[in-house]
């Protein structure tokens, strides 16, 4: 059986490409290959480890340097499944994704993102108005459906729409406040005795 040999790996013709003199192909056949010191085609990154299947799109890469220093990339033309927790209890953490710095992006370019669990918790931790926020944006609809929908705003709550707002309660509705003030669009022509035109002007432009 042939033994793995160190080889020179470079991208000849590219004066700025990296070079490695210790590339070692541990094994290679029609099923795949394992290479230590793989030089990527552009010549800008050396991979400490490259595990590649017969389909080049199916691989695990541990990049060493260049613009992807310290990056690990797993690609598959099919599904990637991670299963854990068979021997753990419900309250234990059995699958953890932690980014010490930077963002975590979950993107489904042509599909849905689904989350299913006995409970789902979303917590944003941060100080100041620029952190500690949860933002939801939808190009069409945001729907919430449950036995109880509870909203508790400690300092401010606003419901606004440039179109219609409907509120309906089949059994009963309670509205409580130390002061209740109603303003119609009529103040746009003539302000009321207690004011309201400024509020109408502010909100009508939304």
N, C-alpha and C. Protein backbone atom coordinates (compact mmCIF):
# COMPACT_ATOMS: atom_id res chain seq x y z
N UNK A 1 0.85 -1.19 0.00
CA UNK A 1 0.00 0.00 0.00
C UNK A 1 0.89 1.24 0.00
N UNK A 2 0.55 2.19 -0.84
CA UNK A 2 1.34 3.42 -0.92
C UNK A 2 1.13 4.26 0.33
N UNK A 3 2.18 4.93 0.76
CA UNK A 3 2.10 5.80 1.93
C UNK A 3 1.94 7.24 1.51
N UNK A 4 1.30 8.04 2.39
CA UNK A 4 1.09 9.45 2.08
C UNK A 4 2.42 10.18 2.04
N UNK A 5 2.55 11.08 1.08
CA UNK A 5 3.78 11.84 0.92
C UNK A 5 3.48 13.34 0.99
N UNK A 6 4.43 14.10 1.57
CA UNK A 6 4.31 15.54 1.56
C UNK A 6 4.61 16.07 0.17
N UNK A 7 3.81 17.02 -0.29
CA UNK A 7 4.00 17.57 -1.61
C UNK A 7 3.98 19.09 -1.56
N UNK A 8 4.54 19.71 -2.60
CA UNK A 8 4.48 21.16 -2.72
C UNK A 8 3.15 21.53 -3.33
N UNK A 9 2.45 22.46 -2.70
CA UNK A 9 1.15 22.87 -3.18
C UNK A 9 1.17 24.37 -3.39
N UNK A 10 1.06 24.82 -4.62
CA UNK A 10 1.00 26.24 -4.92
C UNK A 10 0.11 26.46 -6.14
N UNK A 11 -0.12 27.71 -6.45
CA UNK A 11 -0.90 28.05 -7.62
C UNK A 11 0.02 28.78 -8.58
N UNK A 12 0.73 28.04 -9.38
CA UNK A 12 1.74 28.62 -10.27
C UNK A 12 1.09 29.63 -11.20
N UNK A 13 1.79 30.70 -11.42
CA UNK A 13 1.28 31.75 -12.28
C UNK A 13 0.65 32.88 -11.49
N UNK A 14 0.37 32.64 -10.23
CA UNK A 14 -0.19 33.68 -9.37
C UNK A 14 0.87 34.07 -8.35
N UNK A 15 1.51 35.21 -8.56
CA UNK A 15 2.63 35.61 -7.71
C UNK A 15 2.22 35.95 -6.29
N UNK A 16 0.93 36.20 -6.07
CA UNK A 16 0.46 36.56 -4.73
C UNK A 16 -0.15 35.38 -3.99
N UNK A 17 -0.20 34.21 -4.62
CA UNK A 17 -0.83 33.05 -3.97
C UNK A 17 0.05 32.48 -2.88
N UNK A 18 -0.60 31.81 -1.94
CA UNK A 18 0.13 31.18 -0.86
C UNK A 18 0.78 29.89 -1.33
N UNK A 19 1.74 29.42 -0.55
CA UNK A 19 2.42 28.16 -0.87
C UNK A 19 2.53 27.33 0.40
N UNK A 20 2.45 26.04 0.24
CA UNK A 20 2.69 25.13 1.35
C UNK A 20 3.52 23.97 0.82
N UNK A 21 4.55 23.58 1.58
CA UNK A 21 5.47 22.53 1.16
C UNK A 21 5.24 21.21 1.90
N UNK A 22 4.18 21.16 2.66
CA UNK A 22 3.95 19.95 3.47
C UNK A 22 2.54 19.38 3.26
N UNK A 23 1.93 19.65 2.12
CA UNK A 23 0.61 19.10 1.85
C UNK A 23 0.65 17.57 1.89
N UNK A 24 -0.29 16.99 2.59
CA UNK A 24 -0.30 15.54 2.80
C UNK A 24 -1.69 15.02 2.51
N UNK A 25 -1.82 14.22 1.45
CA UNK A 25 -3.09 13.58 1.13
C UNK A 25 -3.13 12.22 1.82
N UNK A 26 -3.90 12.13 2.88
CA UNK A 26 -3.95 10.90 3.68
C UNK A 26 -4.56 9.75 2.89
N UNK A 27 -5.56 10.08 2.10
CA UNK A 27 -6.21 9.03 1.31
C UNK A 27 -7.08 9.64 0.24
N UNK A 28 -7.16 8.97 -0.91
CA UNK A 28 -7.97 9.48 -2.00
C UNK A 28 -8.36 8.33 -2.93
N UNK A 29 -9.65 8.25 -3.24
CA UNK A 29 -10.12 7.28 -4.23
C UNK A 29 -11.41 7.81 -4.86
N UNK A 30 -12.17 6.96 -5.51
CA UNK A 30 -13.38 7.42 -6.20
C UNK A 30 -14.49 7.81 -5.23
N UNK A 31 -14.31 7.53 -3.94
CA UNK A 31 -15.32 7.89 -2.95
C UNK A 31 -15.06 9.25 -2.31
N UNK A 32 -13.81 9.68 -2.26
CA UNK A 32 -13.50 10.95 -1.63
C UNK A 32 -12.03 11.05 -1.26
N UNK A 33 -11.70 12.10 -0.49
CA UNK A 33 -10.30 12.31 -0.12
C UNK A 33 -10.21 13.07 1.19
N UNK A 34 -9.07 12.91 1.87
CA UNK A 34 -8.74 13.67 3.07
C UNK A 34 -7.36 14.28 2.85
N UNK A 35 -7.30 15.60 2.91
CA UNK A 35 -6.05 16.31 2.63
C UNK A 35 -5.70 17.23 3.77
N UNK A 36 -4.43 17.21 4.18
CA UNK A 36 -3.91 18.14 5.18
C UNK A 36 -3.06 19.18 4.45
N UNK A 37 -3.43 20.44 4.56
CA UNK A 37 -2.68 21.49 3.87
C UNK A 37 -3.19 21.75 2.47
N UNK A 38 -4.48 21.68 2.27
CA UNK A 38 -5.07 21.94 0.95
C UNK A 38 -5.03 23.43 0.64
N UNK A 39 -4.62 23.79 -0.57
CA UNK A 39 -4.61 25.18 -1.02
C UNK A 39 -5.82 25.41 -1.91
N UNK A 40 -6.68 26.32 -1.51
CA UNK A 40 -7.89 26.58 -2.28
C UNK A 40 -7.55 27.16 -3.65
N UNK A 41 -8.45 26.99 -4.59
CA UNK A 41 -8.19 27.34 -5.98
C UNK A 41 -7.75 28.79 -6.18
N UNK A 42 -8.37 29.79 -5.52
CA UNK A 42 -7.89 31.17 -5.71
C UNK A 42 -6.49 31.42 -5.18
N UNK A 43 -5.98 30.50 -4.35
CA UNK A 43 -4.63 30.63 -3.81
C UNK A 43 -4.51 31.56 -2.63
N UNK A 44 -5.64 31.92 -2.02
CA UNK A 44 -5.60 32.90 -0.92
C UNK A 44 -5.75 32.26 0.45
N UNK A 45 -6.15 31.00 0.52
CA UNK A 45 -6.41 30.34 1.80
C UNK A 45 -5.85 28.93 1.77
N UNK A 46 -5.19 28.56 2.87
CA UNK A 46 -4.75 27.18 3.07
C UNK A 46 -5.67 26.53 4.09
N UNK A 47 -6.14 25.35 3.79
CA UNK A 47 -6.99 24.60 4.72
C UNK A 47 -6.14 23.59 5.48
N UNK A 48 -6.20 23.62 6.81
CA UNK A 48 -5.51 22.61 7.60
C UNK A 48 -6.02 21.22 7.24
N UNK A 49 -7.37 21.12 7.12
CA UNK A 49 -7.99 19.82 6.81
C UNK A 49 -9.07 20.03 5.77
N UNK A 50 -9.10 19.18 4.77
CA UNK A 50 -10.18 19.14 3.79
C UNK A 50 -10.66 17.71 3.66
N UNK A 51 -11.92 17.49 4.01
CA UNK A 51 -12.57 16.19 3.80
C UNK A 51 -13.58 16.39 2.67
N UNK A 52 -13.39 15.68 1.58
CA UNK A 52 -14.24 15.91 0.41
C UNK A 52 -14.77 14.59 -0.13
N UNK A 53 -16.05 14.57 -0.44
CA UNK A 53 -16.68 13.38 -0.99
C UNK A 53 -16.50 13.33 -2.50
N UNK A 54 -17.07 12.32 -3.12
CA UNK A 54 -16.96 12.21 -4.57
C UNK A 54 -17.64 13.39 -5.27
N UNK A 55 -18.67 13.94 -4.64
CA UNK A 55 -19.30 15.17 -5.11
C UNK A 55 -18.58 16.34 -4.45
N UNK A 56 -17.94 17.20 -5.23
CA UNK A 56 -17.14 18.29 -4.69
C UNK A 56 -17.92 19.25 -3.82
N UNK A 57 -19.25 19.27 -3.93
CA UNK A 57 -20.07 20.15 -3.10
C UNK A 57 -20.29 19.59 -1.71
N UNK A 58 -19.80 18.38 -1.47
CA UNK A 58 -20.02 17.70 -0.19
C UNK A 58 -18.67 17.64 0.54
N UNK A 59 -18.48 18.55 1.53
CA UNK A 59 -17.16 18.64 2.13
C UNK A 59 -17.19 19.25 3.52
N UNK A 60 -16.11 19.05 4.25
CA UNK A 60 -15.85 19.72 5.52
C UNK A 60 -14.47 20.35 5.41
N UNK A 61 -14.38 21.66 5.65
CA UNK A 61 -13.12 22.38 5.46
C UNK A 61 -12.79 23.14 6.74
N UNK A 62 -11.54 22.99 7.20
CA UNK A 62 -11.01 23.74 8.34
C UNK A 62 -9.93 24.68 7.81
N UNK A 63 -10.31 25.92 7.52
CA UNK A 63 -9.39 26.88 6.93
C UNK A 63 -8.41 27.41 7.97
N UNK A 64 -7.18 27.68 7.52
CA UNK A 64 -6.10 28.05 8.42
C UNK A 64 -5.79 29.54 8.43
N UNK A 65 -5.77 30.17 7.26
CA UNK A 65 -5.28 31.54 7.19
C UNK A 65 -6.03 32.32 6.11
N UNK A 66 -5.48 33.47 5.74
CA UNK A 66 -6.10 34.27 4.71
C UNK A 66 -7.39 34.93 5.18
N UNK A 67 -8.25 35.30 4.25
CA UNK A 67 -9.51 35.99 4.62
C UNK A 67 -10.48 35.12 5.41
N UNK A 68 -10.25 33.81 5.45
CA UNK A 68 -11.12 32.90 6.20
C UNK A 68 -10.37 32.21 7.33
N UNK A 69 -9.44 32.92 7.95
CA UNK A 69 -8.63 32.35 9.02
C UNK A 69 -9.51 31.82 10.15
N UNK A 70 -9.30 30.56 10.52
CA UNK A 70 -10.05 29.96 11.62
C UNK A 70 -11.47 29.58 11.30
N UNK A 71 -11.83 29.57 10.02
CA UNK A 71 -13.22 29.26 9.63
C UNK A 71 -13.39 27.76 9.40
N UNK A 72 -14.55 27.26 9.79
CA UNK A 72 -14.94 25.88 9.50
C UNK A 72 -16.19 25.91 8.63
N UNK A 73 -16.15 25.20 7.54
CA UNK A 73 -17.29 25.22 6.62
C UNK A 73 -17.73 23.80 6.31
N UNK A 74 -19.03 23.56 6.47
CA UNK A 74 -19.62 22.27 6.14
C UNK A 74 -20.63 22.50 5.02
N UNK A 75 -20.46 21.84 3.90
CA UNK A 75 -21.39 21.99 2.79
C UNK A 75 -21.91 20.62 2.38
N UNK A 76 -23.15 20.60 1.90
CA UNK A 76 -23.75 19.35 1.46
C UNK A 76 -24.80 19.66 0.40
N UNK A 77 -24.83 18.90 -0.69
CA UNK A 77 -25.88 19.10 -1.70
C UNK A 77 -27.24 18.61 -1.22
N UNK A 78 -27.24 17.83 -0.15
CA UNK A 78 -28.48 17.33 0.43
C UNK A 78 -28.72 17.90 1.81
N UNK A 79 -29.20 17.10 2.72
CA UNK A 79 -29.58 17.53 4.06
C UNK A 79 -28.43 17.36 5.04
N UNK A 80 -28.34 18.28 6.00
CA UNK A 80 -27.43 18.15 7.14
C UNK A 80 -28.29 17.98 8.39
N UNK A 81 -28.11 16.89 9.09
CA UNK A 81 -28.90 16.60 10.29
C UNK A 81 -27.99 16.48 11.50
N UNK A 82 -28.39 17.10 12.61
CA UNK A 82 -27.67 16.98 13.87
C UNK A 82 -28.68 16.50 14.91
N UNK A 83 -28.41 15.38 15.54
CA UNK A 83 -29.33 14.80 16.52
C UNK A 83 -28.57 14.60 17.83
N UNK A 84 -29.16 15.03 18.94
CA UNK A 84 -28.51 14.86 20.23
C UNK A 84 -29.58 14.75 21.32
N UNK A 85 -29.14 14.36 22.52
CA UNK A 85 -30.01 14.41 23.69
C UNK A 85 -30.72 13.12 24.06
N UNK A 86 -30.38 12.00 23.42
CA UNK A 86 -31.07 10.75 23.74
C UNK A 86 -30.96 10.39 25.22
N UNK A 87 -29.82 10.69 25.83
CA UNK A 87 -29.58 10.29 27.21
C UNK A 87 -29.74 11.44 28.20
N UNK A 88 -30.35 12.53 27.78
CA UNK A 88 -30.53 13.69 28.65
C UNK A 88 -31.99 13.87 29.04
N UNK A 89 -32.21 14.76 30.02
CA UNK A 89 -33.56 15.05 30.49
C UNK A 89 -34.06 16.34 29.85
N UNK A 90 -35.37 16.58 29.98
CA UNK A 90 -36.00 17.71 29.29
C UNK A 90 -35.38 19.05 29.69
N UNK A 91 -35.05 19.22 30.95
CA UNK A 91 -34.57 20.52 31.42
C UNK A 91 -33.11 20.79 31.09
N UNK A 92 -32.39 19.80 30.56
CA UNK A 92 -30.96 19.96 30.30
C UNK A 92 -30.72 20.57 28.92
N UNK A 93 -29.59 21.28 28.79
CA UNK A 93 -29.17 21.81 27.50
C UNK A 93 -28.41 20.72 26.75
N UNK A 94 -28.92 20.31 25.60
CA UNK A 94 -28.30 19.21 24.87
C UNK A 94 -27.78 19.63 23.49
N UNK A 95 -28.09 20.82 23.05
CA UNK A 95 -27.55 21.31 21.79
C UNK A 95 -27.36 22.82 21.93
N UNK A 96 -26.13 23.28 21.84
CA UNK A 96 -25.82 24.68 22.11
C UNK A 96 -25.07 25.28 20.92
N UNK A 97 -25.52 26.44 20.46
CA UNK A 97 -24.80 27.23 19.47
C UNK A 97 -24.43 28.54 20.14
N UNK A 98 -23.16 28.83 20.26
CA UNK A 98 -22.71 30.02 20.97
C UNK A 98 -21.72 30.80 20.10
N UNK A 99 -22.06 32.04 19.80
CA UNK A 99 -21.13 32.93 19.11
C UNK A 99 -20.64 33.95 20.14
N UNK A 100 -19.38 33.83 20.53
CA UNK A 100 -18.85 34.73 21.56
C UNK A 100 -18.83 36.17 21.08
N UNK A 101 -18.64 36.39 19.80
CA UNK A 101 -18.71 37.71 19.20
C UNK A 101 -19.31 37.57 17.80
N UNK A 102 -20.03 38.59 17.38
CA UNK A 102 -20.61 38.56 16.04
C UNK A 102 -22.03 38.02 16.02
N UNK A 103 -22.57 37.92 14.82
CA UNK A 103 -23.96 37.55 14.62
C UNK A 103 -24.12 36.06 14.32
N UNK A 104 -25.32 35.56 14.54
CA UNK A 104 -25.71 34.22 14.10
C UNK A 104 -26.78 34.41 13.03
N UNK A 105 -26.51 33.97 11.81
CA UNK A 105 -27.45 34.11 10.71
C UNK A 105 -28.04 32.75 10.36
N UNK A 106 -29.36 32.67 10.34
CA UNK A 106 -30.06 31.47 9.87
C UNK A 106 -30.88 31.90 8.66
N UNK A 107 -30.52 31.42 7.48
CA UNK A 107 -31.13 31.90 6.25
C UNK A 107 -31.66 30.72 5.45
N UNK A 108 -32.93 30.79 5.08
CA UNK A 108 -33.52 29.83 4.16
C UNK A 108 -33.86 30.60 2.88
N UNK A 109 -33.00 30.50 1.87
CA UNK A 109 -33.16 31.33 0.68
C UNK A 109 -34.39 30.97 -0.13
N UNK A 110 -34.80 29.73 -0.07
CA UNK A 110 -35.99 29.32 -0.82
C UNK A 110 -36.76 28.29 -0.01
N UNK A 111 -37.19 28.70 1.18
CA UNK A 111 -37.89 27.79 2.06
C UNK A 111 -38.30 28.47 3.35
N UNK A 112 -38.75 27.72 4.32
CA UNK A 112 -39.25 28.24 5.59
C UNK A 112 -38.27 27.93 6.72
N UNK A 113 -38.32 28.75 7.74
CA UNK A 113 -37.61 28.48 8.99
C UNK A 113 -38.65 28.09 10.02
N UNK A 114 -38.55 26.90 10.56
CA UNK A 114 -39.53 26.40 11.53
C UNK A 114 -38.86 26.17 12.88
N UNK A 115 -39.55 26.55 13.95
CA UNK A 115 -39.11 26.25 15.31
C UNK A 115 -40.25 25.56 16.03
N UNK A 116 -39.97 24.42 16.61
CA UNK A 116 -41.00 23.66 17.33
C UNK A 116 -40.42 23.14 18.63
N UNK A 117 -41.15 23.35 19.72
CA UNK A 117 -40.68 22.90 21.03
C UNK A 117 -41.86 22.91 22.01
N UNK A 118 -41.67 22.34 23.19
CA UNK A 118 -42.71 22.44 24.21
C UNK A 118 -42.89 23.90 24.65
N UNK A 119 -41.83 24.67 24.65
CA UNK A 119 -41.88 26.11 24.90
C UNK A 119 -40.80 26.79 24.06
N UNK A 120 -41.06 28.00 23.62
CA UNK A 120 -40.09 28.78 22.87
C UNK A 120 -39.87 30.10 23.61
N UNK A 121 -38.63 30.39 23.93
CA UNK A 121 -38.30 31.62 24.65
C UNK A 121 -37.36 32.48 23.79
N UNK A 122 -37.65 33.76 23.72
CA UNK A 122 -36.76 34.71 23.05
C UNK A 122 -36.39 35.79 24.05
N UNK A 123 -35.11 35.96 24.29
CA UNK A 123 -34.65 36.93 25.28
C UNK A 123 -33.56 37.78 24.64
N UNK A 124 -33.72 39.08 24.69
CA UNK A 124 -32.69 40.01 24.21
C UNK A 124 -32.09 40.72 25.42
N UNK A 125 -30.78 40.61 25.57
CA UNK A 125 -30.10 41.19 26.72
C UNK A 125 -29.17 42.29 26.23
N UNK A 126 -29.38 43.49 26.72
CA UNK A 126 -28.53 44.60 26.33
C UNK A 126 -28.92 45.86 27.07
N UNK A 127 -28.05 46.83 27.07
CA UNK A 127 -28.30 48.08 27.77
C UNK A 127 -28.37 49.22 26.77
N UNK A 128 -29.18 50.23 27.10
CA UNK A 128 -29.33 51.36 26.21
C UNK A 128 -30.38 51.08 25.14
N UNK A 129 -30.80 52.11 24.45
CA UNK A 129 -31.84 51.94 23.45
C UNK A 129 -31.41 51.18 22.21
N UNK A 130 -30.10 51.09 21.96
CA UNK A 130 -29.63 50.40 20.76
C UNK A 130 -29.46 48.90 20.95
N UNK A 131 -29.55 48.40 22.19
CA UNK A 131 -29.40 46.98 22.46
C UNK A 131 -30.57 46.50 23.33
N UNK A 132 -30.72 45.19 23.40
CA UNK A 132 -31.81 44.63 24.18
C UNK A 132 -33.14 44.68 23.46
N UNK A 133 -33.11 44.65 22.13
CA UNK A 133 -34.34 44.79 21.34
C UNK A 133 -34.65 43.51 20.57
N UNK A 134 -35.92 43.26 20.36
CA UNK A 134 -36.39 42.19 19.48
C UNK A 134 -37.20 42.85 18.37
N UNK A 135 -36.80 42.62 17.12
CA UNK A 135 -37.45 43.26 15.98
C UNK A 135 -38.01 42.21 15.05
N UNK A 136 -39.26 42.38 14.61
CA UNK A 136 -39.87 41.50 13.63
C UNK A 136 -40.35 42.36 12.46
N UNK A 137 -39.92 42.00 11.25
CA UNK A 137 -40.36 42.69 10.04
C UNK A 137 -40.89 41.66 9.05
N UNK A 138 -42.00 41.95 8.43
CA UNK A 138 -42.57 41.05 7.43
C UNK A 138 -43.04 41.87 6.24
N UNK A 139 -42.75 41.38 5.03
CA UNK A 139 -43.20 42.08 3.83
C UNK A 139 -44.70 41.97 3.65
N UNK A 140 -45.31 41.00 4.31
CA UNK A 140 -46.77 40.85 4.21
C UNK A 140 -47.42 40.87 5.60
N UNK A 141 -47.57 39.72 6.23
CA UNK A 141 -48.37 39.63 7.45
C UNK A 141 -47.56 39.11 8.64
N UNK A 142 -47.92 39.57 9.82
CA UNK A 142 -47.45 38.99 11.07
C UNK A 142 -48.69 38.50 11.81
N UNK A 143 -48.77 37.21 12.06
CA UNK A 143 -49.96 36.62 12.67
C UNK A 143 -49.61 36.03 14.03
N UNK A 144 -50.45 36.26 15.02
CA UNK A 144 -50.30 35.65 16.34
C UNK A 144 -51.62 35.00 16.71
N UNK A 145 -51.56 33.76 17.15
CA UNK A 145 -52.77 33.02 17.49
C UNK A 145 -52.49 32.17 18.73
N UNK A 146 -53.27 32.36 19.78
CA UNK A 146 -53.07 31.59 21.00
C UNK A 146 -54.27 31.76 21.92
N UNK A 147 -54.35 30.92 22.95
CA UNK A 147 -55.44 31.05 23.91
C UNK A 147 -55.39 32.39 24.62
N UNK A 148 -54.19 32.82 24.95
CA UNK A 148 -54.01 34.13 25.57
C UNK A 148 -52.85 34.84 24.88
N UNK A 149 -53.05 36.10 24.57
CA UNK A 149 -51.97 36.94 24.03
C UNK A 149 -51.83 38.11 24.99
N UNK A 150 -50.73 38.13 25.73
CA UNK A 150 -50.52 39.14 26.76
C UNK A 150 -49.39 40.06 26.33
N UNK A 151 -49.64 41.36 26.39
CA UNK A 151 -48.64 42.36 26.06
C UNK A 151 -48.49 43.29 27.25
N UNK A 152 -47.28 43.43 27.76
CA UNK A 152 -47.04 44.28 28.91
C UNK A 152 -45.88 45.22 28.59
N UNK A 153 -46.18 46.49 28.37
CA UNK A 153 -45.15 47.49 28.09
C UNK A 153 -44.94 48.33 29.33
N UNK A 154 -43.72 48.38 29.83
CA UNK A 154 -43.45 49.05 31.09
C UNK A 154 -43.51 50.58 30.98
N UNK A 155 -43.18 51.13 29.80
CA UNK A 155 -43.16 52.59 29.68
C UNK A 155 -44.03 53.12 28.54
N UNK A 156 -44.17 52.37 27.44
CA UNK A 156 -44.88 52.92 26.29
C UNK A 156 -45.40 51.80 25.41
N UNK A 157 -46.63 51.94 24.92
CA UNK A 157 -47.24 50.99 23.99
C UNK A 157 -47.96 51.77 22.90
N UNK A 158 -47.69 51.41 21.64
CA UNK A 158 -48.32 52.12 20.54
C UNK A 158 -48.81 51.14 19.49
N UNK A 159 -50.05 51.31 19.04
CA UNK A 159 -50.61 50.57 17.92
C UNK A 159 -50.97 51.61 16.87
N UNK A 160 -50.39 51.51 15.69
CA UNK A 160 -50.62 52.52 14.67
C UNK A 160 -50.71 51.87 13.29
N UNK A 161 -51.53 52.46 12.43
CA UNK A 161 -51.67 51.98 11.07
C UNK A 161 -52.10 53.14 10.18
N UNK A 162 -51.52 53.27 8.98
CA UNK A 162 -52.01 54.29 8.05
C UNK A 162 -53.36 53.92 7.44
N UNK A 163 -53.79 52.67 7.69
CA UNK A 163 -55.09 52.22 7.22
C UNK A 163 -56.07 52.10 8.36
N UNK A 164 -56.74 50.96 8.44
CA UNK A 164 -57.76 50.74 9.45
C UNK A 164 -57.21 49.97 10.64
N UNK A 165 -57.80 50.23 11.81
CA UNK A 165 -57.52 49.48 13.03
C UNK A 165 -58.85 48.97 13.57
N UNK A 166 -58.93 47.68 13.79
CA UNK A 166 -60.16 47.08 14.31
C UNK A 166 -59.88 46.42 15.65
N UNK A 167 -60.78 46.60 16.60
CA UNK A 167 -60.73 45.93 17.89
C UNK A 167 -62.10 45.34 18.15
N UNK A 168 -62.14 44.06 18.48
CA UNK A 168 -63.42 43.39 18.69
C UNK A 168 -63.30 42.43 19.86
N UNK A 169 -64.32 42.37 20.69
CA UNK A 169 -64.41 41.43 21.80
C UNK A 169 -65.85 40.95 21.88
N UNK A 170 -66.07 39.67 21.68
CA UNK A 170 -67.43 39.14 21.65
C UNK A 170 -68.08 39.10 23.03
N UNK A 171 -67.30 38.96 24.07
CA UNK A 171 -67.89 38.86 25.40
C UNK A 171 -67.83 40.19 26.16
N UNK A 172 -66.71 40.90 26.09
CA UNK A 172 -66.62 42.17 26.80
C UNK A 172 -65.29 42.83 26.54
N UNK A 173 -65.24 44.15 26.75
CA UNK A 173 -64.02 44.90 26.56
C UNK A 173 -63.87 45.92 27.67
N UNK A 174 -62.70 45.96 28.27
CA UNK A 174 -62.42 46.93 29.32
C UNK A 174 -61.30 47.86 28.86
N UNK A 175 -61.50 49.14 29.02
CA UNK A 175 -60.48 50.14 28.72
C UNK A 175 -60.35 51.02 29.96
N UNK A 176 -59.16 51.06 30.52
CA UNK A 176 -58.95 51.84 31.74
C UNK A 176 -57.78 52.78 31.55
N UNK A 177 -57.93 53.99 32.05
CA UNK A 177 -56.84 54.96 32.04
C UNK A 177 -57.17 56.07 33.02
N UNK A 178 -56.15 56.73 33.52
CA UNK A 178 -56.40 57.89 34.37
C UNK A 178 -57.02 59.03 33.57
N UNK A 179 -56.74 59.04 32.26
CA UNK A 179 -57.36 60.03 31.39
C UNK A 179 -57.48 59.43 29.99
N UNK A 180 -58.66 59.55 29.40
CA UNK A 180 -58.90 59.05 28.06
C UNK A 180 -59.24 60.23 27.16
N UNK A 181 -58.51 60.36 26.05
CA UNK A 181 -58.71 61.47 25.14
C UNK A 181 -58.89 60.94 23.73
N UNK A 182 -59.93 61.37 23.06
CA UNK A 182 -60.22 60.94 21.70
C UNK A 182 -60.09 62.13 20.77
N UNK A 183 -59.42 61.92 19.65
CA UNK A 183 -59.21 63.00 18.68
C UNK A 183 -59.62 62.49 17.31
N UNK A 184 -60.43 63.24 16.60
CA UNK A 184 -60.84 62.89 15.25
C UNK A 184 -60.07 63.74 14.24
N UNK A 185 -60.20 63.36 12.98
CA UNK A 185 -59.48 64.07 11.93
C UNK A 185 -60.05 65.47 11.68
N UNK A 186 -61.15 65.78 12.34
CA UNK A 186 -61.74 67.11 12.16
C UNK A 186 -60.82 68.23 12.65
N UNK A 187 -59.94 67.94 13.58
CA UNK A 187 -59.04 68.97 14.10
C UNK A 187 -58.05 69.44 13.05
N UNK A 188 -57.93 68.69 11.93
CA UNK A 188 -57.04 69.12 10.86
C UNK A 188 -57.53 70.42 10.23
N UNK A 189 -58.86 70.63 10.26
CA UNK A 189 -59.45 71.86 9.71
C UNK A 189 -59.56 72.94 10.78
N UNK A 190 -60.05 72.52 11.95
CA UNK A 190 -60.21 73.47 13.05
C UNK A 190 -59.86 72.76 14.35
N UNK A 191 -58.90 73.30 15.07
CA UNK A 191 -58.45 72.69 16.31
C UNK A 191 -59.56 72.75 17.35
N UNK A 192 -59.59 71.73 18.24
CA UNK A 192 -60.60 71.71 19.30
C UNK A 192 -60.21 72.67 20.42
N UNK A 193 -61.12 72.88 21.35
CA UNK A 193 -60.87 73.78 22.47
C UNK A 193 -59.73 73.28 23.35
N UNK A 194 -59.58 71.95 23.40
CA UNK A 194 -58.52 71.37 24.25
C UNK A 194 -57.33 70.91 23.42
N UNK A 195 -57.27 71.35 22.18
CA UNK A 195 -56.15 70.99 21.32
C UNK A 195 -56.31 69.63 20.69
N UNK A 196 -55.30 69.22 19.96
CA UNK A 196 -55.32 67.93 19.29
C UNK A 196 -54.80 68.00 17.87
N UNK A 197 -54.71 69.22 17.32
CA UNK A 197 -54.25 69.36 15.94
C UNK A 197 -52.79 68.93 15.79
N UNK A 198 -51.97 69.24 16.78
CA UNK A 198 -50.57 68.83 16.72
C UNK A 198 -50.43 67.32 16.70
N UNK A 199 -51.25 66.65 17.51
CA UNK A 199 -51.21 65.19 17.55
C UNK A 199 -51.67 64.60 16.22
N UNK A 200 -52.73 65.17 15.67
CA UNK A 200 -53.24 64.70 14.37
C UNK A 200 -52.21 64.88 13.27
N UNK A 201 -51.52 66.02 13.28
CA UNK A 201 -50.51 66.29 12.27
C UNK A 201 -49.33 65.33 12.39
N UNK A 202 -48.98 65.01 13.60
CA UNK A 202 -47.85 64.10 13.86
C UNK A 202 -48.17 62.69 13.40
N UNK A 203 -49.37 62.20 13.70
CA UNK A 203 -49.71 60.81 13.43
C UNK A 203 -50.19 60.58 11.99
N UNK A 204 -50.76 61.57 11.35
CA UNK A 204 -51.31 61.38 10.01
C UNK A 204 -50.25 61.19 8.95
N UNK A 205 -49.00 61.57 9.25
CA UNK A 205 -47.93 61.43 8.27
C UNK A 205 -47.26 60.10 8.32
N UNK A 206 -47.67 59.22 9.26
CA UNK A 206 -47.03 57.92 9.39
C UNK A 206 -47.46 56.99 8.26
